[in-house]
Amino acid sequence: MAGIVYLVGAGPGDPDLITVKGLRYLRQADVVAYDRLVHPDLLREARPQAERIDVGKAPGRHRYRQDEINRLLVDRARAGKTVVRLKGGDPFVFGRGGEECQALAAAGVPFAVVPGITSAVAAPAAAGIPVTQRELAQSFTVVTGHTARGGAGGADDLDWAALARMDTLVFLMGVAALPVITRRLIAHGRSPATPVAVISCATTGHEQLVLGTLADIIAEAAGVATPATIVIGPVAALAREIGPAALAAPAPATPALWARTPQQPVLTFAAPAGMEAGA
């Protein structure tokens, strides 16, 4: 009996930011293979009898290699299971979703992709930073900070001269690479006075915003928790104007956005007690 795999984007952190379609598939799943940044409340939305498999990767610590995750998805689907591969953000934004789809296609396993809200735009938005703004930024570029760190010799494949000319730069997973990022952008002509924002644990109860410039952000953001999103460009300064006003707006009552049954509890939006800031 053939099964199917759904690659579902869980959103940037707040469990209420998963899509309605993604939540519906999650509640139908026989197997949930989830990443480390998926909010625990979302896992509670799966059926009690669903198999939950933590395949999350932390820096220097991988429970499963990528080829093992691919094989797990194929094997469970071939056993007739409905599998949800639950990923933080969007499956195709630095989430290896494309690689998993290639493995599923090669194995002849049916699959579908449910897009999610990526932290590349959600983290800045939650902090009051539009990644584009008339007269300030006509474009934005998303880069992985892992690439910026380079290999053992410190080399990387990024075109820093081109990146230095971009209106808005968004680095994901880039806290460890922040010294490299700032140094190389300045070396390639970006003004040291360029505004920078570092948003830690965006859209969760642990969210933290640090503002500075290319010249001083390393000192300002020292010790910031991960995961964090780095925004570089004039729009980052808008956080001082927009952010406080947005945070002051009253939160609406919990909406009934989807049908629930007694077996499907309402999502709780506050981070649960004891949740690690970088989880």
C-alpha atoms as a PDB file:
ATOM      1  CA  MET A   1       0.000   0.000   0.000  1.00  0.00           C
ATOM      2  CA  ALA A   2       1.600   3.278  -1.119  1.00  0.00           C
ATOM      3  CA  GLY A   3       2.063   6.095   1.341  1.00  0.00           C
ATOM      4  CA  ILE A   4       2.925   9.734   0.766  1.00  0.00           C
ATOM      5  CA  VAL A   5       5.326  12.354   2.150  1.00  0.00           C
ATOM      6  CA  TYR A   6       4.354  15.969   2.796  1.00  0.00           C
ATOM      7  CA  LEU A   7       7.201  18.448   3.240  1.00  0.00           C
ATOM      8  CA  VAL A   8       5.595  21.051   5.501  1.00  0.00           C
ATOM      9  CA  GLY A   9       7.012  24.426   6.465  1.00  0.00           C
ATOM     10  CA  ALA A  10       6.344  25.063  10.156  1.00  0.00           C
ATOM     11  CA  GLY A  11       7.064  28.798   9.985  1.00  0.00           C
ATOM     12  CA  PRO A  12       9.609  30.930  11.843  1.00  0.00           C
ATOM     13  CA  GLY A  13       8.885  29.931  15.446  1.00  0.00           C
ATOM     14  CA  ASP A  14       5.429  30.978  16.656  1.00  0.00           C
ATOM     15  CA  PRO A  15       3.290  27.838  16.233  1.00  0.00           C
ATOM     16  CA  ASP A  16       0.363  29.938  15.011  1.00  0.00           C
ATOM     17  CA  LEU A  17       2.381  30.844  11.908  1.00  0.00           C
ATOM     18  CA  ILE A  18       2.099  27.404  10.335  1.00  0.00           C
ATOM     19  CA  THR A  19      -0.289  27.425   7.381  1.00  0.00           C
ATOM     20  CA  VAL A  20      -3.793  25.992   7.705  1.00  0.00           C
ATOM     21  CA  LYS A  21      -2.933  23.366   5.073  1.00  0.00           C
ATOM     22  CA  GLY A  22       0.258  22.423   6.894  1.00  0.00           C
ATOM     23  CA  LEU A  23      -1.631  21.988  10.161  1.00  0.00           C
ATOM     24  CA  ARG A  24      -4.247  19.835   8.434  1.00  0.00           C
ATOM     25  CA  TYR A  25      -1.603  17.461   7.058  1.00  0.00           C
ATOM     26  CA  LEU A  26       0.191  17.384  10.408  1.00  0.00           C
ATOM     27  CA  ARG A  27      -3.006  16.238  12.123  1.00  0.00           C
ATOM     28  CA  GLN A  28      -3.435  13.436   9.591  1.00  0.00           C
ATOM     29  CA  ALA A  29       0.122  12.113   9.762  1.00  0.00           C
ATOM     30  CA  ASP A  30       1.147   8.611  10.773  1.00  0.00           C
ATOM     31  CA  VAL A  31       4.778   9.736  11.050  1.00  0.00           C
ATOM     32  CA  VAL A  32       6.208  13.183  11.855  1.00  0.00           C
ATOM     33  CA  ALA A  33       9.922  13.701  11.184  1.00  0.00           C
ATOM     34  CA  TYR A  34      10.715  17.119  12.631  1.00  0.00           C
ATOM     35  CA  ASP A  35      13.600  19.589  12.864  1.00  0.00           C
ATOM     36  CA  ARG A  36      14.999  21.056  16.086  1.00  0.00           C
ATOM     37  CA  LEU A  37      13.486  24.527  15.514  1.00  0.00           C
ATOM     38  CA  VAL A  38       9.899  23.254  15.305  1.00  0.00           C
ATOM     39  CA  HIS A  39       7.874  24.554  18.257  1.00  0.00           C
ATOM     40  CA  PRO A  40       6.857  21.764  20.710  1.00  0.00           C
ATOM     41  CA  ASP A  41       3.215  22.890  20.572  1.00  0.00           C
ATOM     42  CA  LEU A  42       3.059  21.891  16.922  1.00  0.00           C
ATOM     43  CA  LEU A  43       4.143  18.357  17.760  1.00  0.00           C
ATOM     44  CA  ARG A  44       1.210  18.149  20.174  1.00  0.00           C
ATOM     45  CA  GLU A  45      -1.092  18.731  17.202  1.00  0.00           C
ATOM     46  CA  ALA A  46      -0.146  15.365  15.727  1.00  0.00           C
ATOM     47  CA  ARG A  47      -2.353  12.381  16.565  1.00  0.00           C
ATOM     48  CA  PRO A  48      -1.401  10.667  19.861  1.00  0.00           C
ATOM     49  CA  GLN A  49      -0.570   7.455  17.991  1.00  0.00           C
ATOM     50  CA  ALA A  50       1.613   9.178  15.396  1.00  0.00           C
ATOM     51  CA  GLU A  51       5.289   8.266  15.365  1.00  0.00           C
ATOM     52  CA  ARG A  52       7.428  11.326  16.165  1.00  0.00           C
ATOM     53  CA  ILE A  53      11.050  11.249  15.024  1.00  0.00           C
ATOM     54  CA  ASP A  54      13.511  14.000  15.956  1.00  0.00           C
ATOM     55  CA  VAL A  55      15.824  14.399  12.963  1.00  0.00           C
ATOM     56  CA  GLY A  56      16.999  17.869  13.926  1.00  0.00           C
ATOM     57  CA  LYS A  57      20.522  19.082  13.252  1.00  0.00           C
ATOM     58  CA  ALA A  58      22.438  21.314  15.650  1.00  0.00           C
ATOM     59  CA  PRO A  59      25.892  22.758  14.914  1.00  0.00           C
ATOM     60  CA  GLY A  60      28.323  19.876  15.279  1.00  0.00           C
ATOM     61  CA  ARG A  61      25.587  17.444  16.315  1.00  0.00           C
ATOM     62  CA  HIS A  62      23.422  15.566  13.820  1.00  0.00           C
ATOM     63  CA  ARG A  63      21.101  12.844  15.048  1.00  0.00           C
ATOM     64  CA  TYR A  64      20.638  11.641  11.485  1.00  0.00           C
ATOM     65  CA  ARG A  65      22.763  12.239   8.420  1.00  0.00           C
ATOM     66  CA  GLN A  66      20.854  13.657   5.454  1.00  0.00           C
ATOM     67  CA  ASP A  67      21.032  10.364   3.562  1.00  0.00           C
ATOM     68  CA  GLU A  68      19.539   8.628   6.611  1.00  0.00           C
ATOM     69  CA  ILE A  69      16.674  11.128   6.716  1.00  0.00           C
ATOM     70  CA  ASN A  70      16.044  10.554   3.008  1.00  0.00           C
ATOM     71  CA  ARG A  71      15.961   6.796   3.540  1.00  0.00           C
ATOM     72  CA  LEU A  72      13.650   7.149   6.559  1.00  0.00           C
ATOM     73  CA  LEU A  73      11.116   9.121   4.509  1.00  0.00           C
ATOM     74  CA  VAL A  74      11.232   6.605   1.677  1.00  0.00           C
ATOM     75  CA  ASP A  75      10.933   3.580   3.967  1.00  0.00           C
ATOM     76  CA  ARG A  76       7.993   4.926   5.982  1.00  0.00           C
ATOM     77  CA  ALA A  77       6.099   5.933   2.840  1.00  0.00           C
ATOM     78  CA  ARG A  78       6.736   2.530   1.224  1.00  0.00           C
ATOM     79  CA  ALA A  79       5.248   0.985   4.358  1.00  0.00           C
ATOM     80  CA  GLY A  80       2.002   2.787   3.525  1.00  0.00           C
ATOM     81  CA  LYS A  81       2.403   5.636   5.998  1.00  0.00           C
ATOM     82  CA  THR A  82       1.392   9.268   5.629  1.00  0.00           C
ATOM     83  CA  VAL A  83       4.595  11.088   6.527  1.00  0.00           C
ATOM     84  CA  VAL A  84       4.993  14.769   7.400  1.00  0.00           C
ATOM     85  CA  ARG A  85       8.513  16.107   7.168  1.00  0.00           C
ATOM     86  CA  LEU A  86       8.097  19.157   9.418  1.00  0.00           C
ATOM     87  CA  LYS A  87      10.689  21.856   8.832  1.00  0.00           C
ATOM     88  CA  GLY A  88      11.268  25.226  10.426  1.00  0.00           C
ATOM     89  CA  GLY A  89      10.515  28.130   8.089  1.00  0.00           C
ATOM     90  CA  ASP A  90      10.041  27.042   4.475  1.00  0.00           C
ATOM     91  CA  PRO A  91      11.201  23.620   3.225  1.00  0.00           C
ATOM     92  CA  PHE A  92      13.072  25.115   0.273  1.00  0.00           C
ATOM     93  CA  VAL A  93      14.911  27.982   2.036  1.00  0.00           C
ATOM     94  CA  PHE A  94      18.140  26.437   3.348  1.00  0.00           C
ATOM     95  CA  GLY A  95      16.071  23.486   4.545  1.00  0.00           C
ATOM     96  CA  ARG A  96      17.372  20.721   2.240  1.00  0.00           C
ATOM     97  CA  GLY A  97      13.816  20.187   1.066  1.00  0.00           C
ATOM     98  CA  GLY A  98      14.964  20.019  -2.536  1.00  0.00           C
ATOM     99  CA  GLU A  99      17.390  17.198  -1.721  1.00  0.00           C
ATOM    100  CA  GLU A 100      14.645  15.244   0.024  1.00  0.00           C
ATOM    101  CA  CYS A 101      12.306  15.726  -2.919  1.00  0.00           C
ATOM    102  CA  GLN A 102      15.002  14.439  -5.260  1.00  0.00           C
ATOM    103  CA  ALA A 103      15.418  11.327  -3.115  1.00  0.00           C
ATOM    104  CA  LEU A 104      11.657  10.738  -3.006  1.00  0.00           C
ATOM    105  CA  ALA A 105      11.309  11.236  -6.760  1.00  0.00           C
ATOM    106  CA  ALA A 106      14.172   8.814  -7.444  1.00  0.00           C
ATOM    107  CA  ALA A 107      12.489   6.225  -5.208  1.00  0.00           C
ATOM    108  CA  GLY A 108       9.111   6.701  -6.898  1.00  0.00           C
ATOM    109  CA  VAL A 109       7.471   7.877  -3.645  1.00  0.00           C
ATOM    110  CA  PRO A 110       4.567  10.372  -3.961  1.00  0.00           C
ATOM    111  CA  PHE A 111       5.200  13.677  -2.206  1.00  0.00           C
ATOM    112  CA  ALA A 112       3.926  17.233  -1.996  1.00  0.00           C
ATOM    113  CA  VAL A 113       5.408  20.469  -0.686  1.00  0.00           C
ATOM    114  CA  VAL A 114       3.487  22.774   1.652  1.00  0.00           C
ATOM    115  CA  PRO A 115       5.297  26.142   1.693  1.00  0.00           C
ATOM    116  CA  GLY A 116       5.978  27.844   4.996  1.00  0.00           C
ATOM    117  CA  ILE A 117       6.759  31.363   6.189  1.00  0.00           C
ATOM    118  CA  THR A 118      10.525  31.779   6.061  1.00  0.00           C
ATOM    119  CA  SER A 119      12.368  33.609   8.815  1.00  0.00           C
ATOM    120  CA  ALA A 120      14.186  35.548   6.094  1.00  0.00           C
ATOM    121  CA  VAL A 121      11.167  37.857   5.887  1.00  0.00           C
ATOM    122  CA  ALA A 122       9.232  36.946   9.057  1.00  0.00           C
ATOM    123  CA  ALA A 123      12.010  37.700  11.545  1.00  0.00           C
ATOM    124  CA  PRO A 124      12.607  41.216  10.188  1.00  0.00           C
ATOM    125  CA  ALA A 125       8.851  41.839   9.921  1.00  0.00           C
ATOM    126  CA  ALA A 126       8.260  40.812  13.533  1.00  0.00           C
ATOM    127  CA  ALA A 127      10.940  43.309  14.592  1.00  0.00           C
ATOM    128  CA  GLY A 128       9.441  46.139  12.535  1.00  0.00           C
ATOM    129  CA  ILE A 129      11.844  45.861   9.605  1.00  0.00           C
ATOM    130  CA  PRO A 130      10.458  45.716   6.054  1.00  0.00           C
ATOM    131  CA  VAL A 131      13.050  44.041   3.849  1.00  0.00           C
ATOM    132  CA  THR A 132      11.954  46.354   1.005  1.00  0.00           C
ATOM    133  CA  GLN A 133      10.893  49.979   1.316  1.00  0.00           C
ATOM    134  CA  ARG A 134      10.441  52.673  -1.310  1.00  0.00           C
ATOM    135  CA  GLU A 135      13.474  54.955  -1.546  1.00  0.00           C
ATOM    136  CA  LEU A 136      15.456  52.695   0.805  1.00  0.00           C
ATOM    137  CA  ALA A 137      15.509  49.181  -0.633  1.00  0.00           C
ATOM    138  CA  GLN A 138      14.242  47.955  -3.966  1.00  0.00           C
ATOM    139  CA  SER A 139      15.555  44.427  -3.476  1.00  0.00           C
ATOM    140  CA  PHE A 140      16.778  42.021  -0.835  1.00  0.00           C
ATOM    141  CA  THR A 141      19.183  39.084  -0.860  1.00  0.00           C
ATOM    142  CA  VAL A 142      19.093  36.048   1.424  1.00  0.00           C
ATOM    143  CA  VAL A 143      22.370  34.335   2.279  1.00  0.00           C
ATOM    144  CA  THR A 144      23.313  31.446   4.537  1.00  0.00           C
ATOM    145  CA  GLY A 145      25.839  32.373   7.183  1.00  0.00           C
ATOM    146  CA  HIS A 146      27.307  28.866   7.009  1.00  0.00           C
ATOM    147  CA  THR A 147      28.694  29.741   3.575  1.00  0.00           C
ATOM    148  CA  ALA A 148      30.147  32.991   4.883  1.00  0.00           C
ATOM    149  CA  ARG A 149      32.213  31.119   7.468  1.00  0.00           C
ATOM    150  CA  GLY A 150      33.901  29.131   4.727  1.00  0.00           C
ATOM    151  CA  GLY A 151      35.828  25.911   5.110  1.00  0.00           C
ATOM    152  CA  ALA A 152      38.856  25.024   7.169  1.00  0.00           C
ATOM    153  CA  GLY A 153      40.943  27.608   5.345  1.00  0.00           C
ATOM    154  CA  GLY A 154      38.359  30.355   5.826  1.00  0.00           C
ATOM    155  CA  ALA A 155      37.609  30.626   2.104  1.00  0.00           C
ATOM    156  CA  ASP A 156      34.084  30.915   0.772  1.00  0.00           C
ATOM    157  CA  ASP A 157      32.251  31.128  -2.530  1.00  0.00           C
ATOM    158  CA  LEU A 158      30.328  34.341  -1.887  1.00  0.00           C
ATOM    159  CA  ASP A 159      30.676  37.333  -4.189  1.00  0.00           C
ATOM    160  CA  TRP A 160      31.278  39.927  -1.487  1.00  0.00           C
ATOM    161  CA  ALA A 161      31.653  42.768  -3.972  1.00  0.00           C
ATOM    162  CA  ALA A 162      28.144  42.051  -5.281  1.00  0.00           C
ATOM    163  CA  LEU A 163      26.704  41.548  -1.788  1.00  0.00           C
ATOM    164  CA  ALA A 164      28.121  44.870  -0.648  1.00  0.00           C
ATOM    165  CA  ARG A 165      26.002  46.601  -3.314  1.00  0.00           C
ATOM    166  CA  MET A 166      22.698  44.946  -2.362  1.00  0.00           C
ATOM    167  CA  ASP A 167      20.007  47.153  -0.806  1.00  0.00           C
ATOM    168  CA  THR A 168      19.108  44.706   1.969  1.00  0.00           C
ATOM    169  CA  LEU A 169      21.069  41.641   3.038  1.00  0.00           C
ATOM    170  CA  VAL A 170      19.488  38.950   5.190  1.00  0.00           C
ATOM    171  CA  PHE A 171      21.819  36.341   6.666  1.00  0.00           C
ATOM    172  CA  LEU A 172      20.328  33.189   8.174  1.00  0.00           C
ATOM    173  CA  MET A 173      22.351  31.057  10.595  1.00  0.00           C
ATOM    174  CA  GLY A 174      24.997  33.761  10.555  1.00  0.00           C
ATOM    175  CA  VAL A 175      25.797  34.693  14.160  1.00  0.00           C
ATOM    176  CA  ALA A 176      29.062  32.742  14.234  1.00  0.00           C
ATOM    177  CA  ALA A 177      30.028  34.339  10.920  1.00  0.00           C
ATOM    178  CA  LEU A 178      29.210  37.922  11.970  1.00  0.00           C
ATOM    179  CA  PRO A 179      32.870  39.010  12.239  1.00  0.00           C
ATOM    180  CA  VAL A 180      33.540  37.663   8.735  1.00  0.00           C
ATOM    181  CA  ILE A 181      30.375  39.251   7.325  1.00  0.00           C
ATOM    182  CA  THR A 182      31.055  42.726   8.703  1.00  0.00           C
ATOM    183  CA  ARG A 183      34.742  42.693   7.831  1.00  0.00           C
ATOM    184  CA  ARG A 184      34.245  41.597   4.234  1.00  0.00           C
ATOM    185  CA  LEU A 185      31.350  43.924   3.510  1.00  0.00           C
ATOM    186  CA  ILE A 186      33.344  46.909   4.757  1.00  0.00           C
ATOM    187  CA  ALA A 187      36.390  45.749   2.801  1.00  0.00           C
ATOM    188  CA  HIS A 188      34.260  45.681  -0.357  1.00  0.00           C
ATOM    189  CA  GLY A 189      32.941  49.203   0.031  1.00  0.00           C
ATOM    190  CA  ARG A 190      29.934  49.037   2.370  1.00  0.00           C
ATOM    191  CA  SER A 191      29.922  51.952   4.800  1.00  0.00           C
ATOM    192  CA  PRO A 192      30.794  51.051   8.406  1.00  0.00           C
ATOM    193  CA  ALA A 193      27.786  53.212   9.383  1.00  0.00           C
ATOM    194  CA  THR A 194      25.347  50.865   7.591  1.00  0.00           C
ATOM    195  CA  PRO A 195      22.534  49.884  10.001  1.00  0.00           C
ATOM    196  CA  VAL A 196      22.438  46.267  11.175  1.00  0.00           C
ATOM    197  CA  ALA A 197      19.806  44.348  13.141  1.00  0.00           C
ATOM    198  CA  VAL A 198      20.197  40.947  14.764  1.00  0.00           C
ATOM    199  CA  ILE A 199      16.894  39.260  15.627  1.00  0.00           C
ATOM    200  CA  SER A 200      17.197  36.277  17.948  1.00  0.00           C
ATOM    201  CA  CYS A 201      14.496  33.596  18.382  1.00  0.00           C
ATOM    202  CA  ALA A 202      12.098  35.601  16.209  1.00  0.00           C
ATOM    203  CA  THR A 203       8.310  35.413  16.768  1.00  0.00           C
ATOM    204  CA  THR A 204       8.727  33.459  20.022  1.00  0.00           C
ATOM    205  CA  GLY A 205       8.488  34.521  23.649  1.00  0.00           C
ATOM    206  CA  HIS A 206      12.297  34.669  23.682  1.00  0.00           C
ATOM    207  CA  GLU A 207      12.622  37.166  20.819  1.00  0.00           C
ATOM    208  CA  GLN A 208      15.482  39.648  21.185  1.00  0.00           C
ATOM    209  CA  LEU A 209      16.414  42.546  18.906  1.00  0.00           C
ATOM    210  CA  VAL A 210      19.887  44.065  18.826  1.00  0.00           C
ATOM    211  CA  LEU A 211      20.592  47.139  16.693  1.00  0.00           C
ATOM    212  CA  GLY A 212      23.891  48.616  15.609  1.00  0.00           C
ATOM    213  CA  THR A 213      26.052  49.269  12.563  1.00  0.00           C
ATOM    214  CA  LEU A 214      28.612  47.279  10.623  1.00  0.00           C
ATOM    215  CA  ALA A 215      31.232  49.008  12.777  1.00  0.00           C
ATOM    216  CA  ASP A 216      29.847  48.029  16.188  1.00  0.00           C
ATOM    217  CA  ILE A 217      27.319  45.181  15.811  1.00  0.00           C
ATOM    218  CA  ILE A 218      29.830  42.509  16.868  1.00  0.00           C
ATOM    219  CA  ALA A 219      30.161  44.108  20.294  1.00  0.00           C
ATOM    220  CA  GLU A 220      26.449  44.980  20.531  1.00  0.00           C
ATOM    221  CA  ALA A 221      25.338  41.421  19.698  1.00  0.00           C
ATOM    222  CA  ALA A 222      27.899  39.608  21.853  1.00  0.00           C
ATOM    223  CA  GLY A 223      26.274  36.596  23.494  1.00  0.00           C
ATOM    224  CA  VAL A 224      23.040  36.797  21.505  1.00  0.00           C
ATOM    225  CA  ALA A 225      21.114  33.529  21.484  1.00  0.00           C
ATOM    226  CA  THR A 226      20.623  31.463  18.360  1.00  0.00           C
ATOM    227  CA  PRO A 227      18.847  30.985  16.035  1.00  0.00           C
ATOM    228  CA  ALA A 228      19.222  34.546  14.840  1.00  0.00           C
ATOM    229  CA  THR A 229      18.570  36.484  11.649  1.00  0.00           C
ATOM    230  CA  ILE A 230      20.877  39.317  10.580  1.00  0.00           C
ATOM    231  CA  VAL A 231      19.531  42.232   8.522  1.00  0.00           C
ATOM    232  CA  ILE A 232      21.983  44.664   6.939  1.00  0.00           C
ATOM    233  CA  GLY A 233      20.948  47.850   5.152  1.00  0.00           C
ATOM    234  CA  PRO A 234      19.063  51.122   5.686  1.00  0.00           C
ATOM    235  CA  VAL A 235      15.792  49.320   6.436  1.00  0.00           C
ATOM    236  CA  ALA A 236      17.305  47.882   9.621  1.00  0.00           C
ATOM    237  CA  ALA A 237      17.116  51.335  11.199  1.00  0.00           C
ATOM    238  CA  LEU A 238      13.322  51.326  10.769  1.00  0.00           C
ATOM    239  CA  ALA A 239      13.087  48.941  13.714  1.00  0.00           C
ATOM    240  CA  ARG A 240      13.484  51.952  16.024  1.00  0.00           C
ATOM    241  CA  GLU A 241      10.464  53.645  14.454  1.00  0.00           C
ATOM    242  CA  ILE A 242       8.155  50.767  13.518  1.00  0.00           C
ATOM    243  CA  GLY A 243       9.052  48.096  16.059  1.00  0.00           C
ATOM    244  CA  PRO A 244       7.833  49.736  19.279  1.00  0.00           C
ATOM    245  CA  ALA A 245       4.550  50.808  17.675  1.00  0.00           C
ATOM    246  CA  ALA A 246       3.924  47.306  16.328  1.00  0.00           C
ATOM    247  CA  LEU A 247       4.675  45.697  19.694  1.00  0.00           C
ATOM    248  CA  ALA A 248       2.321  48.118  21.437  1.00  0.00           C
ATOM    249  CA  ALA A 249      -0.649  46.979  19.341  1.00  0.00           C
ATOM    250  CA  PRO A 250      -3.055  44.783  21.345  1.00  0.00           C
ATOM    251  CA  ALA A 251      -3.036  41.117  20.439  1.00  0.00           C
ATOM    252  CA  PRO A 252      -6.369  39.783  19.130  1.00  0.00           C
ATOM    253  CA  ALA A 253      -8.276  37.060  20.872  1.00  0.00           C
ATOM    254  CA  THR A 254      -7.375  33.526  19.791  1.00  0.00           C
ATOM    255  CA  PRO A 255      -9.127  33.146  16.419  1.00  0.00           C
ATOM    256  CA  ALA A 256     -10.951  30.044  15.275  1.00  0.00           C
ATOM    257  CA  LEU A 257      -9.073  29.764  12.003  1.00  0.00           C
ATOM    258  CA  TRP A 258      -9.631  26.059  11.523  1.00  0.00           C
ATOM    259  CA  ALA A 259     -12.009  23.332  12.587  1.00  0.00           C
ATOM    260  CA  ARG A 260     -11.025  21.498  15.747  1.00  0.00           C
ATOM    261  CA  THR A 261     -12.176  18.280  17.359  1.00  0.00           C
ATOM    262  CA  PRO A 262     -11.802  17.279  21.018  1.00  0.00           C
ATOM    263  CA  GLN A 263      -8.694  15.316  19.951  1.00  0.00           C
ATOM    264  CA  GLN A 264      -7.191  18.411  18.356  1.00  0.00           C
ATOM    265  CA  PRO A 265      -6.355  20.936  21.099  1.00  0.00           C
ATOM    266  CA  VAL A 266      -6.053  24.640  20.500  1.00  0.00           C
ATOM    267  CA  LEU A 267      -2.487  25.763  19.846  1.00  0.00           C
ATOM    268  CA  THR A 268      -0.862  27.662  22.688  1.00  0.00           C
ATOM    269  CA  PHE A 269       1.150  30.618  21.525  1.00  0.00           C
ATOM    270  CA  ALA A 270       3.481  31.374  24.429  1.00  0.00           C
ATOM    271  CA  ALA A 271       6.759  29.461  24.545  1.00  0.00           C
ATOM    272  CA  PRO A 272       6.370  26.597  27.055  1.00  0.00           C
ATOM    273  CA  ALA A 273       8.237  26.777  30.316  1.00  0.00           C
ATOM    274  CA  GLY A 274      11.706  25.386  30.065  1.00  0.00           C
ATOM    275  CA  MET A 275      12.002  25.752  26.306  1.00  0.00           C
ATOM    276  CA  GLU A 276      15.596  26.519  25.423  1.00  0.00           C
ATOM    277  CA  ALA A 277      16.132  29.914  23.869  1.00  0.00           C
ATOM    278  CA  GLY A 278      17.916  28.354  20.914  1.00  0.00           C
ATOM    279  CA  ALA A 279      15.630  25.336  20.538  1.00  0.00           C
END
